[in-house]
């Protein structure tokens, strides 16, 4: 099964969009993230990716109240991310209704801790985000504000060997600009880690992109800007979901 997962990015409790993760490009889409989530649910979406950008910048989640509202007033499965760095953060996310959490920075800064989370909370609930600039394939963290010297493929392999099942990968140069996904990057990951449940993120511009990613063997695609700019419409999602199911 191939899953399409809308992303809702939060700053100060509002739904926003950015280009290539640049906070200077912030545009407020809505003051009511719950309303956006409910619209997705009404059109057959089962899961959303809720990104706490305040938390990503500060290293500590800040928008638990939005998570709680969405899980309290919808049946959506929510994957929560942004600044999760302690066991307390993980537990609090689950207490506020998250089905899964996705972590990026802590996996780079303290790989032993992230590996322990896979054991403690189970690999069905702990996802890795490994985001990169394809020019050098180095991992980028902290809401894409901090570069590392960690090789993307070595980073994935480290956790793959320790039981990682779910991976979200973004080419940050394509995020929020609707230039199309980096199909070559995802083909490389699929070749090296054929058993991993890979979700593409960044650059989706059409239903055809979903179809190509699905046919490549990916398990999911995270999208946002193409929908918020009305390039992909809810009616398009209806049709694709019906065909996929």
Protein backbone atom coordinates (compact mmCIF):
# COMPACT_ATOMS: atom_id res chain seq x y z
CA UNK A 1 0.00 0.00 0.00
CA UNK A 2 1.20 3.50 -0.88
CA UNK A 3 0.21 6.34 1.44
CA UNK A 4 -0.02 10.05 0.67
CA UNK A 5 0.61 12.14 3.78
CA UNK A 6 -0.14 15.87 3.94
CA UNK A 7 2.21 17.96 6.04
CA UNK A 8 1.02 20.77 8.29
CA UNK A 9 3.84 23.08 9.36
CA UNK A 10 3.34 25.10 12.52
CA UNK A 11 4.78 28.41 13.67
CA UNK A 12 3.12 30.15 16.65
CA UNK A 13 0.15 27.80 16.35
CA UNK A 14 -0.51 28.79 12.73
CA UNK A 15 -0.21 26.72 9.58
CA UNK A 16 2.58 28.08 7.39
CA UNK A 17 4.63 27.22 4.34
CA UNK A 18 8.30 27.79 3.63
CA UNK A 19 10.54 27.50 0.59
CA UNK A 20 13.51 25.16 1.00
CA UNK A 21 13.05 25.34 4.77
CA UNK A 22 13.98 29.04 4.85
CA UNK A 23 12.16 30.71 7.75
CA UNK A 24 12.51 34.08 6.00
CA UNK A 25 10.05 32.84 3.35
CA UNK A 26 7.30 32.11 5.89
CA UNK A 27 3.76 32.55 4.63
CA UNK A 28 0.76 31.98 6.88
CA UNK A 29 -1.75 29.66 5.21
CA UNK A 30 -4.29 29.46 8.02
CA UNK A 31 -4.81 30.42 11.62
CA UNK A 32 -6.73 27.16 12.10
CA UNK A 33 -4.61 24.01 11.56
CA UNK A 34 -7.46 21.86 12.90
CA UNK A 35 -9.73 23.01 10.10
CA UNK A 36 -7.10 22.05 7.52
CA UNK A 37 -6.64 18.64 9.13
CA UNK A 38 -10.39 18.04 9.13
CA UNK A 39 -10.58 18.87 5.41
CA UNK A 40 -7.94 16.25 4.69
CA UNK A 41 -9.80 13.68 6.76
CA UNK A 42 -13.04 14.45 4.92
CA UNK A 43 -11.30 13.47 1.68
CA UNK A 44 -10.00 10.09 2.76
CA UNK A 45 -6.61 11.01 4.20
CA UNK A 46 -5.69 8.72 7.10
CA UNK A 47 -2.40 10.21 8.32
CA UNK A 48 -0.79 13.64 8.53
CA UNK A 49 2.75 14.81 9.25
CA UNK A 50 2.57 17.60 11.85
CA UNK A 51 5.74 19.69 11.93
CA UNK A 52 6.44 21.89 14.96
CA UNK A 53 8.84 24.41 13.42
CA UNK A 54 9.05 26.36 16.68
CA UNK A 55 10.20 23.16 18.34
CA UNK A 56 12.69 22.39 15.58
CA UNK A 57 14.33 25.78 16.03
CA UNK A 58 14.38 25.66 19.82
CA UNK A 59 15.15 21.99 20.32
CA UNK A 60 11.96 21.39 22.30
CA UNK A 61 8.38 20.91 21.02
CA UNK A 62 6.14 23.96 21.49
CA UNK A 63 2.86 23.10 19.74
CA UNK A 64 1.52 20.18 21.72
CA UNK A 65 -1.83 21.98 21.98
CA UNK A 66 -2.28 21.79 18.20
CA UNK A 67 -1.38 18.10 18.26
CA UNK A 68 -3.94 17.53 21.00
CA UNK A 69 -6.65 19.45 19.15
CA UNK A 70 -6.16 17.50 15.92
CA UNK A 71 -6.07 14.11 17.60
CA UNK A 72 -9.01 15.07 19.79
CA UNK A 73 -11.30 16.25 16.99
CA UNK A 74 -10.31 13.93 14.14
CA UNK A 75 -9.51 10.26 13.70
CA UNK A 76 -6.31 11.06 11.82
CA UNK A 77 -3.11 9.24 12.66
CA UNK A 78 -0.66 12.01 13.46
CA UNK A 79 3.08 11.74 12.98
CA UNK A 80 4.55 14.51 15.14
CA UNK A 81 7.98 16.04 14.66
CA UNK A 82 9.99 19.11 15.63
CA UNK A 83 12.48 19.41 18.47
CA UNK A 84 11.88 16.01 20.03
CA UNK A 85 15.09 15.36 21.95
CA UNK A 86 14.28 13.67 25.27
CA UNK A 87 12.28 10.71 26.52
CA UNK A 88 9.98 13.24 28.13
CA UNK A 89 9.31 14.81 24.73
CA UNK A 90 8.48 11.41 23.23
CA UNK A 91 6.16 10.48 26.08
CA UNK A 92 4.45 13.86 26.00
CA UNK A 93 3.86 13.59 22.25
CA UNK A 94 2.21 10.21 22.73
CA UNK A 95 0.17 11.53 25.67
CA UNK A 96 -1.13 14.33 23.43
CA UNK A 97 -2.27 11.81 20.85
CA UNK A 98 0.59 11.28 18.39
CA UNK A 99 0.52 7.86 16.75
CA UNK A 100 4.18 8.11 15.80
CA UNK A 101 7.02 10.58 16.20
CA UNK A 102 9.72 11.46 13.72
CA UNK A 103 13.12 12.57 14.97
CA UNK A 104 16.04 14.07 13.09
CA UNK A 105 18.37 16.20 15.19
CA UNK A 106 18.66 13.83 18.15
CA UNK A 107 19.53 10.95 15.81
CA UNK A 108 22.48 12.98 14.53
CA UNK A 109 23.57 14.40 17.88
CA UNK A 110 23.01 11.33 20.05
CA UNK A 111 22.62 8.23 17.87
CA UNK A 112 22.73 5.90 20.86
CA UNK A 113 19.69 7.59 22.37
CA UNK A 114 17.72 7.35 19.14
CA UNK A 115 18.68 3.70 18.76
CA UNK A 116 17.42 3.10 22.30
CA UNK A 117 14.10 4.74 21.40
CA UNK A 118 13.64 2.15 18.67
CA UNK A 119 13.86 -0.49 21.38
CA UNK A 120 12.01 1.31 24.19
CA UNK A 121 9.01 2.58 22.21
CA UNK A 122 9.11 0.15 19.30
CA UNK A 123 10.13 0.70 15.72
CA UNK A 124 6.49 1.03 14.67
CA UNK A 125 6.28 4.31 16.60
CA UNK A 126 9.71 5.87 16.05
CA UNK A 127 10.57 7.24 12.60
CA UNK A 128 13.81 8.73 11.36
CA UNK A 129 13.97 11.89 9.27
CA UNK A 130 17.21 12.07 7.33
CA UNK A 131 17.25 15.25 5.27
CA UNK A 132 20.02 16.31 2.95
CA UNK A 133 21.40 18.57 0.26
CA UNK A 134 22.19 16.22 -2.64
CA UNK A 135 25.29 18.20 -3.57
CA UNK A 136 27.19 16.46 -0.78
CA UNK A 137 24.69 14.04 0.81
CA UNK A 138 25.39 15.43 4.29
CA UNK A 139 22.63 15.31 6.89
CA UNK A 140 21.00 18.63 7.80
CA UNK A 141 19.19 19.09 11.13
CA UNK A 142 17.61 21.69 13.43
CA UNK A 143 14.79 22.69 11.14
CA UNK A 144 17.37 22.61 8.31
CA UNK A 145 19.30 25.41 9.97
CA UNK A 146 22.33 23.29 10.93
CA UNK A 147 24.67 21.38 8.64
CA UNK A 148 26.54 18.29 9.78
CA UNK A 149 29.42 16.24 8.40
CA UNK A 150 27.36 13.05 8.66
CA UNK A 151 27.01 11.10 5.42
CA UNK A 152 23.35 10.41 4.62
CA UNK A 153 23.81 6.78 3.63
CA UNK A 154 26.05 5.93 6.59
CA UNK A 155 23.51 7.61 8.89
CA UNK A 156 20.66 5.51 7.54
CA UNK A 157 22.72 2.32 7.61
CA UNK A 158 23.62 2.83 11.27
CA UNK A 159 19.98 2.75 12.32
CA UNK A 160 18.89 0.26 9.67
CA UNK A 161 21.22 -2.24 11.30
CA UNK A 162 19.58 -1.47 14.65
CA UNK A 163 16.03 -2.13 13.52
CA UNK A 164 14.88 1.10 11.86
CA UNK A 165 11.77 0.48 9.77
CA UNK A 166 10.40 3.92 8.81
CA UNK A 167 12.45 6.61 7.09
CA UNK A 168 11.42 10.01 5.75
CA UNK A 169 13.96 11.67 3.50
CA UNK A 170 13.88 15.19 2.08
CA UNK A 171 16.01 16.81 -0.56
CA UNK A 172 15.94 20.25 1.05
CA UNK A 173 16.65 22.02 -2.25
CA UNK A 174 13.29 20.83 -3.56
CA UNK A 175 11.11 21.33 -0.52
CA UNK A 176 8.39 23.92 -0.96
CA UNK A 177 9.22 24.78 -4.57
CA UNK A 178 7.28 22.11 -6.51
CA UNK A 179 10.23 21.18 -8.72
CA UNK A 180 9.49 17.48 -8.48
CA UNK A 181 10.90 14.89 -6.08
CA UNK A 182 14.52 13.80 -6.27
CA UNK A 183 13.77 10.43 -7.85
CA UNK A 184 17.46 9.60 -8.23
CA UNK A 185 18.08 10.03 -4.50
CA UNK A 186 15.16 7.78 -3.59
CA UNK A 187 16.29 5.14 -6.08
CA UNK A 188 19.70 5.12 -4.38
CA UNK A 189 18.14 4.67 -0.94
CA UNK A 190 15.85 1.93 -2.21
CA UNK A 191 18.80 0.09 -3.74
CA UNK A 192 20.88 0.25 -0.56
CA UNK A 193 18.03 -0.40 1.89
CA UNK A 194 15.35 -2.39 0.06
CA UNK A 195 13.46 -3.41 3.20
CA UNK A 196 13.02 0.07 4.63
CA UNK A 197 9.64 1.81 4.52
CA UNK A 198 10.69 4.95 2.67
CA UNK A 199 8.62 8.14 2.52
CA UNK A 200 9.67 10.80 0.03
CA UNK A 201 9.30 14.40 1.07
CA UNK A 202 9.77 17.58 -0.91
CA UNK A 203 8.98 18.73 -4.42
CA UNK A 204 5.78 16.80 -5.16
CA UNK A 205 3.90 18.75 -7.83
CA UNK A 206 1.32 16.34 -9.24
CA UNK A 207 -0.53 13.07 -8.88
CA UNK A 208 1.88 11.65 -11.46
CA UNK A 209 4.72 12.20 -8.96
CA UNK A 210 2.82 10.09 -6.44
CA UNK A 211 2.37 7.37 -9.04
CA UNK A 212 6.05 7.34 -10.01
CA UNK A 213 7.18 7.15 -6.38
CA UNK A 214 4.73 4.34 -5.75
CA UNK A 215 5.94 2.44 -8.81
CA UNK A 216 9.55 2.84 -7.60
CA UNK A 217 8.64 0.90 -4.47
CA UNK A 218 8.37 3.74 -1.97
CA UNK A 219 5.77 3.37 0.74
CA UNK A 220 4.64 6.98 1.11
CA UNK A 221 5.03 10.56 -0.01
CA UNK A 222 4.73 13.64 2.17
CA UNK A 223 3.40 16.73 0.41
CA UNK A 224 2.31 20.25 1.24
CA UNK A 225 3.00 23.24 -0.97
CA UNK A 226 1.44 21.80 -4.14
CA UNK A 227 -1.81 21.40 -2.22
CA UNK A 228 -1.69 24.76 -0.49
CA UNK A 229 -1.07 26.48 -3.84
CA UNK A 230 -4.01 24.61 -5.38
CA UNK A 231 -1.78 22.71 -7.83
CA UNK A 232 -3.04 19.46 -6.33
CA UNK A 233 -6.71 19.68 -5.39
CA UNK A 234 -8.74 17.68 -2.91
CA UNK A 235 -10.63 16.15 -5.83
CA UNK A 236 -7.30 14.88 -7.23
CA UNK A 237 -6.55 13.26 -3.88
CA UNK A 238 -10.00 11.66 -3.84
CA UNK A 239 -9.37 9.99 -7.19
CA UNK A 240 -5.85 8.82 -6.38
CA UNK A 241 -6.88 7.40 -3.00
CA UNK A 242 -9.80 5.55 -4.61
CA UNK A 243 -7.49 4.07 -7.27
CA UNK A 244 -4.82 3.12 -4.72
CA UNK A 245 -7.27 1.44 -2.37
